Each structure stands twice: as structure tokens, then as C-alpha cells.
Amino acid sequence: MTIALIAHDAKKELMIQFCTAYSAVLSRHTLCATGTTGKQVASATNLPIKRFLSGSQGGGEEIAARISCNEVDVLLFFRDPINPKLDSQTDMNLLRLCDVHNVPVATNIATAEALILALERGDLDWREIGNPVM
């Protein structure tokens, strides 16, 4: 499965810690991320990550396009609800597309852990059955 990683600036360290803790699970999947998040996670974990542009340069839109094309199975999007960013329209669009295309999404560490444990158990295998790669 393909897992997309996005983290607002205040949540990047948390994303690094999460990916470090679950690197064994994540290593069995294809990872992609916005530029800075991907660079920092890859550097800390040695996980191979396809990096798109930084969020401020359109990386969120690149991931949104992949969600629309059924190329992302899970989105881990660590948002900072205390300091909303100027590009919150992009954030809302990402969440809307996940709803439209039935992509499980986690916006905080609690839901991310639930999703990663479900992924490890095979609870999300329906994504591959319902959305075969063409």
C-alpha cells in the first residue's frame, strides 16, 4: 500500500518520532511525502520516501492529485490545530478528497496509531481489493 505523510511545521518532530517507532511496519509499504517532511523522516529513519514539493510549494496539491487518481491508500496528516496555516484550503481539500475516495486518514498521533496497527493486522487490505492498481 502507499502511505502519504504530511506534517505541519509544529508537528514534524512528532511525525519523525511516529515513523521511527513504526518503521518496521512502514518499511513494508510505499511511502511518499511532502518535501520537508519526507526529507526529515527519511534522514531520521532511513526509510525510502518518494518526496514531492514542500507543502508551501504545492506538495499538498501533488498528494491530493495522487489521492484523486487512487494512488494513495492511507494519509497520515499531522495537522497543527493551534496555529492554522494560510493554506488551510489545501488542507481541507486533502481531507475532502480522502472522504470522496475512501482513503483512511489520520490527523493526529492517536488516529495514526490506530491506522498503522490496523494496517499491520491487515484490516485495510480492502483498499487493494476495492481499488486494484491498473
N, C-alpha and C. Protein backbone atom coordinates (compact mmCIF):
# COMPACT_ATOMS: atom_id res chain seq x y z
N MET A 1 0.83 -1.19 0.00
CA MET A 1 0.00 0.00 0.00
C MET A 1 0.87 1.24 0.00
N THR A 2 0.31 2.31 -0.48
CA THR A 2 1.02 3.59 -0.50
C THR A 2 0.51 4.47 0.63
N ILE A 3 1.43 4.94 1.44
CA ILE A 3 1.12 5.79 2.58
C ILE A 3 1.73 7.17 2.33
N ALA A 4 0.90 8.20 2.39
CA ALA A 4 1.38 9.57 2.22
C ALA A 4 1.56 10.21 3.59
N LEU A 5 2.65 10.95 3.75
CA LEU A 5 2.99 11.62 5.00
C LEU A 5 3.04 13.13 4.79
N ILE A 6 2.30 13.85 5.62
CA ILE A 6 2.32 15.31 5.62
C ILE A 6 2.32 15.76 7.08
N ALA A 7 3.12 16.76 7.40
CA ALA A 7 3.12 17.30 8.77
C ALA A 7 3.34 18.81 8.72
N HIS A 8 2.49 19.53 9.40
CA HIS A 8 2.73 20.96 9.58
C HIS A 8 4.03 21.14 10.36
N ASP A 9 4.62 22.31 10.27
CA ASP A 9 5.92 22.55 10.89
C ASP A 9 5.97 22.17 12.37
N ALA A 10 4.95 22.52 13.11
CA ALA A 10 4.94 22.23 14.55
C ALA A 10 4.76 20.75 14.85
N LYS A 11 4.44 19.95 13.84
CA LYS A 11 4.19 18.51 14.04
C LYS A 11 5.23 17.63 13.35
N LYS A 12 6.24 18.23 12.74
CA LYS A 12 7.24 17.43 12.03
C LYS A 12 8.02 16.50 12.97
N GLU A 13 8.40 17.00 14.12
CA GLU A 13 9.14 16.16 15.07
C GLU A 13 8.27 14.99 15.53
N LEU A 14 7.00 15.21 15.74
CA LEU A 14 6.09 14.14 16.12
C LEU A 14 5.99 13.11 15.00
N MET A 15 5.95 13.56 13.75
CA MET A 15 5.91 12.63 12.61
C MET A 15 7.18 11.80 12.57
N ILE A 16 8.31 12.42 12.82
CA ILE A 16 9.59 11.70 12.84
C ILE A 16 9.56 10.63 13.93
N GLN A 17 9.12 11.00 15.11
CA GLN A 17 9.05 10.04 16.22
C GLN A 17 8.09 8.90 15.89
N PHE A 18 6.95 9.22 15.30
CA PHE A 18 5.97 8.20 14.94
C PHE A 18 6.56 7.23 13.91
N CYS A 19 7.18 7.78 12.87
CA CYS A 19 7.75 6.94 11.82
C CYS A 19 8.92 6.11 12.33
N THR A 20 9.66 6.64 13.27
CA THR A 20 10.74 5.88 13.89
C THR A 20 10.17 4.71 14.68
N ALA A 21 9.14 4.97 15.46
CA ALA A 21 8.53 3.92 16.28
C ALA A 21 7.90 2.83 15.43
N TYR A 22 7.34 3.19 14.29
CA TYR A 22 6.65 2.21 13.44
C TYR A 22 7.39 1.93 12.13
N SER A 23 8.70 2.11 12.14
CA SER A 23 9.47 1.93 10.91
C SER A 23 9.39 0.50 10.37
N ALA A 24 9.25 -0.48 11.23
CA ALA A 24 9.14 -1.87 10.76
C ALA A 24 7.87 -2.06 9.95
N VAL A 25 6.78 -1.47 10.37
CA VAL A 25 5.52 -1.56 9.62
C VAL A 25 5.62 -0.73 8.35
N LEU A 26 6.09 0.49 8.47
CA LEU A 26 6.17 1.39 7.33
C LEU A 26 7.10 0.87 6.24
N SER A 27 8.14 0.16 6.63
CA SER A 27 9.12 -0.33 5.65
C SER A 27 8.52 -1.36 4.69
N ARG A 28 7.38 -1.92 5.02
CA ARG A 28 6.73 -2.91 4.14
C ARG A 28 5.76 -2.25 3.15
N HIS A 29 5.76 -0.93 3.12
CA HIS A 29 4.83 -0.21 2.26
C HIS A 29 5.59 0.86 1.47
N THR A 30 4.93 1.43 0.48
CA THR A 30 5.49 2.51 -0.31
C THR A 30 5.13 3.82 0.38
N LEU A 31 6.14 4.65 0.61
CA LEU A 31 5.92 5.92 1.31
C LEU A 31 6.16 7.10 0.36
N CYS A 32 5.32 8.12 0.51
CA CYS A 32 5.54 9.38 -0.19
C CYS A 32 5.23 10.49 0.80
N ALA A 33 5.76 11.66 0.53
CA ALA A 33 5.59 12.77 1.48
C ALA A 33 5.84 14.10 0.80
N THR A 34 5.36 15.15 1.46
CA THR A 34 5.74 16.48 1.02
C THR A 34 7.23 16.64 1.29
N GLY A 35 7.86 17.58 0.62
CA GLY A 35 9.31 17.69 0.59
C GLY A 35 10.04 17.70 1.91
N THR A 36 9.75 18.66 2.76
CA THR A 36 10.49 18.79 4.02
C THR A 36 10.17 17.65 4.97
N THR A 37 8.92 17.28 5.06
CA THR A 37 8.54 16.15 5.92
C THR A 37 9.25 14.89 5.46
N GLY A 38 9.21 14.64 4.17
CA GLY A 38 9.87 13.45 3.62
C GLY A 38 11.36 13.44 3.87
N LYS A 39 12.00 14.58 3.70
CA LYS A 39 13.44 14.68 3.91
C LYS A 39 13.79 14.39 5.36
N GLN A 40 13.05 14.97 6.29
CA GLN A 40 13.36 14.79 7.70
C GLN A 40 13.07 13.36 8.17
N VAL A 41 11.96 12.79 7.72
CA VAL A 41 11.62 11.41 8.12
C VAL A 41 12.63 10.43 7.53
N ALA A 42 12.97 10.60 6.25
CA ALA A 42 13.94 9.71 5.61
C ALA A 42 15.30 9.79 6.30
N SER A 43 15.71 10.98 6.64
CA SER A 43 17.00 11.17 7.31
C SER A 43 17.03 10.50 8.67
N ALA A 44 15.93 10.57 9.40
CA ALA A 44 15.88 10.00 10.75
C ALA A 44 15.66 8.49 10.76
N THR A 45 15.00 7.96 9.74
CA THR A 45 14.59 6.54 9.78
C THR A 45 15.27 5.66 8.74
N ASN A 46 15.88 6.27 7.73
CA ASN A 46 16.44 5.55 6.58
C ASN A 46 15.38 4.83 5.76
N LEU A 47 14.11 5.22 5.90
CA LEU A 47 13.05 4.66 5.08
C LEU A 47 13.09 5.32 3.70
N PRO A 48 12.88 4.55 2.63
CA PRO A 48 12.81 5.16 1.30
C PRO A 48 11.48 5.90 1.15
N ILE A 49 11.56 7.17 0.78
CA ILE A 49 10.37 8.00 0.67
C ILE A 49 10.42 8.79 -0.63
N LYS A 50 9.38 8.67 -1.43
CA LYS A 50 9.23 9.49 -2.63
C LYS A 50 8.82 10.88 -2.17
N ARG A 51 9.66 11.87 -2.46
CA ARG A 51 9.39 13.22 -2.00
C ARG A 51 8.82 14.07 -3.11
N PHE A 52 7.76 14.80 -2.76
CA PHE A 52 7.18 15.78 -3.65
C PHE A 52 7.68 17.15 -3.24
N LEU A 53 7.10 18.19 -3.78
CA LEU A 53 7.46 19.55 -3.39
C LEU A 53 7.12 19.79 -1.93
N SER A 54 7.74 20.80 -1.34
CA SER A 54 7.36 21.21 0.01
C SER A 54 5.91 21.67 -0.02
N GLY A 55 5.27 21.60 1.13
CA GLY A 55 3.86 21.98 1.20
C GLY A 55 3.59 23.38 0.68
N SER A 56 4.45 24.33 1.03
CA SER A 56 4.25 25.71 0.59
C SER A 56 4.45 25.89 -0.91
N GLN A 57 5.09 24.92 -1.55
CA GLN A 57 5.35 25.00 -2.99
C GLN A 57 4.40 24.11 -3.81
N GLY A 58 3.43 23.49 -3.14
CA GLY A 58 2.45 22.69 -3.88
C GLY A 58 2.51 21.19 -3.60
N GLY A 59 3.29 20.77 -2.63
CA GLY A 59 3.38 19.34 -2.32
C GLY A 59 2.06 18.74 -1.87
N GLY A 60 1.29 19.51 -1.12
CA GLY A 60 -0.04 19.03 -0.70
C GLY A 60 -0.94 18.79 -1.89
N GLU A 61 -0.85 19.68 -2.88
CA GLU A 61 -1.65 19.53 -4.09
C GLU A 61 -1.20 18.31 -4.88
N GLU A 62 0.12 18.03 -4.89
CA GLU A 62 0.61 16.84 -5.58
C GLU A 62 0.05 15.57 -4.94
N ILE A 63 0.03 15.54 -3.63
CA ILE A 63 -0.52 14.37 -2.94
C ILE A 63 -2.02 14.30 -3.17
N ALA A 64 -2.70 15.44 -3.18
CA ALA A 64 -4.14 15.46 -3.46
C ALA A 64 -4.43 14.87 -4.83
N ALA A 65 -3.60 15.20 -5.81
CA ALA A 65 -3.79 14.65 -7.15
C ALA A 65 -3.63 13.13 -7.15
N ARG A 66 -2.70 12.63 -6.38
CA ARG A 66 -2.50 11.18 -6.30
C ARG A 66 -3.65 10.48 -5.58
N ILE A 67 -4.23 11.17 -4.60
CA ILE A 67 -5.41 10.63 -3.94
C ILE A 67 -6.54 10.54 -4.97
N SER A 68 -6.72 11.57 -5.77
CA SER A 68 -7.76 11.60 -6.79
C SER A 68 -7.57 10.50 -7.83
N CYS A 69 -6.33 10.13 -8.10
CA CYS A 69 -6.02 9.10 -9.08
C CYS A 69 -5.90 7.71 -8.45
N ASN A 70 -6.33 7.59 -7.19
CA ASN A 70 -6.31 6.30 -6.49
C ASN A 70 -4.90 5.74 -6.32
N GLU A 71 -3.92 6.61 -6.11
CA GLU A 71 -2.54 6.18 -5.94
C GLU A 71 -2.07 6.29 -4.49
N VAL A 72 -2.95 6.68 -3.58
CA VAL A 72 -2.64 6.76 -2.15
C VAL A 72 -3.69 5.95 -1.40
N ASP A 73 -3.22 5.07 -0.50
CA ASP A 73 -4.13 4.20 0.26
C ASP A 73 -4.39 4.70 1.67
N VAL A 74 -3.43 5.40 2.25
CA VAL A 74 -3.55 5.92 3.61
C VAL A 74 -2.85 7.28 3.66
N LEU A 75 -3.47 8.24 4.34
CA LEU A 75 -2.84 9.55 4.54
C LEU A 75 -2.63 9.78 6.02
N LEU A 76 -1.38 10.01 6.40
CA LEU A 76 -1.04 10.43 7.76
C LEU A 76 -0.71 11.92 7.67
N PHE A 77 -1.60 12.74 8.18
CA PHE A 77 -1.52 14.19 8.02
C PHE A 77 -1.56 14.83 9.40
N PHE A 78 -0.38 15.05 9.98
CA PHE A 78 -0.30 15.62 11.32
C PHE A 78 -0.46 17.13 11.21
N ARG A 79 -1.65 17.59 11.57
CA ARG A 79 -2.02 18.99 11.46
C ARG A 79 -1.78 19.70 12.78
N ASP A 80 -1.54 20.99 12.67
CA ASP A 80 -1.39 21.84 13.86
C ASP A 80 -2.66 22.67 14.02
N PRO A 81 -3.59 22.22 14.88
CA PRO A 81 -4.86 22.93 15.02
C PRO A 81 -4.73 24.25 15.79
N ILE A 82 -3.63 24.43 16.51
CA ILE A 82 -3.45 25.64 17.30
C ILE A 82 -3.02 26.82 16.42
N ASN A 83 -2.16 26.55 15.45
CA ASN A 83 -1.66 27.59 14.54
C ASN A 83 -2.04 27.24 13.11
N PRO A 84 -3.27 27.48 12.71
CA PRO A 84 -3.68 27.12 11.35
C PRO A 84 -2.84 27.86 10.32
N LYS A 85 -2.53 27.15 9.25
CA LYS A 85 -1.70 27.72 8.19
C LYS A 85 -2.55 28.51 7.20
N LEU A 86 -1.87 29.33 6.43
CA LEU A 86 -2.55 30.12 5.42
C LEU A 86 -3.15 29.24 4.33
N ASP A 87 -2.55 28.06 4.09
CA ASP A 87 -3.04 27.19 3.03
C ASP A 87 -4.05 26.17 3.57
N SER A 88 -4.89 26.60 4.51
CA SER A 88 -5.86 25.68 5.09
C SER A 88 -6.86 25.19 4.05
N GLN A 89 -7.02 25.91 2.94
CA GLN A 89 -7.90 25.43 1.86
C GLN A 89 -7.32 24.16 1.26
N THR A 90 -6.01 24.08 1.11
CA THR A 90 -5.36 22.87 0.63
C THR A 90 -5.59 21.74 1.62
N ASP A 91 -5.47 22.04 2.91
CA ASP A 91 -5.70 21.03 3.94
C ASP A 91 -7.11 20.48 3.87
N MET A 92 -8.08 21.38 3.74
CA MET A 92 -9.48 20.95 3.66
C MET A 92 -9.73 20.15 2.39
N ASN A 93 -9.08 20.52 1.31
CA ASN A 93 -9.23 19.78 0.06
C ASN A 93 -8.67 18.36 0.20
N LEU A 94 -7.53 18.22 0.86
CA LEU A 94 -6.97 16.89 1.10
C LEU A 94 -7.95 16.01 1.87
N LEU A 95 -8.52 16.56 2.93
CA LEU A 95 -9.46 15.80 3.75
C LEU A 95 -10.73 15.47 2.96
N ARG A 96 -11.20 16.41 2.16
CA ARG A 96 -12.38 16.17 1.33
C ARG A 96 -12.12 15.04 0.33
N LEU A 97 -10.95 15.07 -0.31
CA LEU A 97 -10.62 14.02 -1.28
C LEU A 97 -10.50 12.65 -0.62
N CYS A 98 -9.99 12.62 0.60
CA CYS A 98 -9.93 11.35 1.32
C CYS A 98 -11.34 10.81 1.55
N ASP A 99 -12.27 11.70 1.88
CA ASP A 99 -13.67 11.28 2.05
C ASP A 99 -14.26 10.79 0.73
N VAL A 100 -14.04 11.52 -0.34
CA VAL A 100 -14.59 11.16 -1.65
C VAL A 100 -14.07 9.81 -2.12
N HIS A 101 -12.77 9.56 -1.90
CA HIS A 101 -12.12 8.35 -2.44
C HIS A 101 -11.91 7.25 -1.39
N ASN A 102 -12.55 7.39 -0.24
CA ASN A 102 -12.46 6.37 0.83
C ASN A 102 -11.02 6.05 1.21
N VAL A 103 -10.23 7.08 1.40
CA VAL A 103 -8.85 6.92 1.85
C VAL A 103 -8.81 7.16 3.35
N PRO A 104 -8.42 6.15 4.13
CA PRO A 104 -8.31 6.37 5.57
C PRO A 104 -7.27 7.46 5.86
N VAL A 105 -7.62 8.37 6.77
CA VAL A 105 -6.74 9.50 7.08
C VAL A 105 -6.64 9.67 8.59
N ALA A 106 -5.44 9.98 9.04
CA ALA A 106 -5.19 10.29 10.45
C ALA A 106 -4.65 11.70 10.52
N THR A 107 -5.23 12.51 11.41
CA THR A 107 -4.78 13.89 11.53
C THR A 107 -4.05 14.14 12.85
N ASN A 108 -3.87 13.09 13.63
CA ASN A 108 -3.14 13.24 14.90
C ASN A 108 -2.53 11.89 15.26
N ILE A 109 -1.72 11.88 16.29
CA ILE A 109 -0.98 10.67 16.67
C ILE A 109 -1.91 9.53 17.09
N ALA A 110 -3.02 9.85 17.73
CA ALA A 110 -3.94 8.81 18.19
C ALA A 110 -4.56 8.05 17.02
N THR A 111 -5.06 8.79 16.03
CA THR A 111 -5.65 8.09 14.88
C THR A 111 -4.58 7.46 14.00
N ALA A 112 -3.40 8.05 13.97
CA ALA A 112 -2.31 7.46 13.18
C ALA A 112 -1.92 6.10 13.76
N GLU A 113 -1.85 6.01 15.06
CA GLU A 113 -1.50 4.72 15.68
C GLU A 113 -2.59 3.69 15.41
N ALA A 114 -3.85 4.10 15.50
CA ALA A 114 -4.95 3.17 15.21
C ALA A 114 -4.86 2.68 13.76
N LEU A 115 -4.57 3.59 12.82
CA LEU A 115 -4.46 3.19 11.42
C LEU A 115 -3.27 2.29 11.16
N ILE A 116 -2.14 2.60 11.76
CA ILE A 116 -0.94 1.80 11.49
C ILE A 116 -1.08 0.40 12.07
N LEU A 117 -1.73 0.28 13.23
CA LEU A 117 -1.97 -1.03 13.81
C LEU A 117 -2.99 -1.81 12.97
N ALA A 118 -3.99 -1.13 12.44
CA ALA A 118 -4.96 -1.77 11.55
C ALA A 118 -4.26 -2.23 10.27
N LEU A 119 -3.37 -1.42 9.76
CA LEU A 119 -2.60 -1.77 8.56
C LEU A 119 -1.76 -3.01 8.82
N GLU A 120 -1.13 -3.06 9.97
CA GLU A 120 -0.28 -4.20 10.33
C GLU A 120 -1.10 -5.50 10.44
N ARG A 121 -2.32 -5.38 10.96
CA ARG A 121 -3.20 -6.56 11.12
C ARG A 121 -3.83 -6.99 9.80
N GLY A 122 -3.78 -6.14 8.79
CA GLY A 122 -4.42 -6.45 7.52
C GLY A 122 -5.83 -5.93 7.41
N ASP A 123 -6.24 -5.09 8.36
CA ASP A 123 -7.61 -4.57 8.36
C ASP A 123 -7.88 -3.61 7.20
N LEU A 124 -6.84 -3.12 6.55
CA LEU A 124 -7.04 -2.19 5.44
C LEU A 124 -6.81 -2.85 4.08
N ASP A 125 -6.71 -4.17 4.06
CA ASP A 125 -6.49 -4.87 2.80
C ASP A 125 -7.62 -4.65 1.81
N TRP A 126 -8.79 -4.25 2.30
CA TRP A 126 -9.91 -3.95 1.41
C TRP A 126 -9.55 -2.88 0.40
N ARG A 127 -8.60 -2.00 0.73
CA ARG A 127 -8.18 -0.96 -0.21
C ARG A 127 -7.62 -1.59 -1.48
N GLU A 128 -6.82 -2.65 -1.33
CA GLU A 128 -6.23 -3.30 -2.50
C GLU A 128 -7.26 -4.09 -3.28
N ILE A 129 -8.24 -4.64 -2.61
CA ILE A 129 -9.30 -5.41 -3.28
C ILE A 129 -10.25 -4.46 -4.01
N GLY A 130 -10.68 -3.41 -3.32
CA GLY A 130 -11.64 -2.48 -3.89
C GLY A 130 -11.04 -1.49 -4.87
N ASN A 131 -9.73 -1.31 -4.81
CA ASN A 131 -9.05 -0.34 -5.66
C ASN A 131 -7.81 -0.96 -6.30
N PRO A 132 -8.00 -1.95 -7.17
CA PRO A 132 -6.82 -2.60 -7.76
C PRO A 132 -6.00 -1.62 -8.60
N VAL A 133 -4.71 -1.78 -8.56
CA VAL A 133 -3.82 -0.94 -9.37
C VAL A 133 -3.95 -1.35 -10.81
N MET A 134 -4.15 -0.38 -11.68
CA MET A 134 -4.33 -0.68 -13.10
C MET A 134 -3.03 -0.56 -13.83
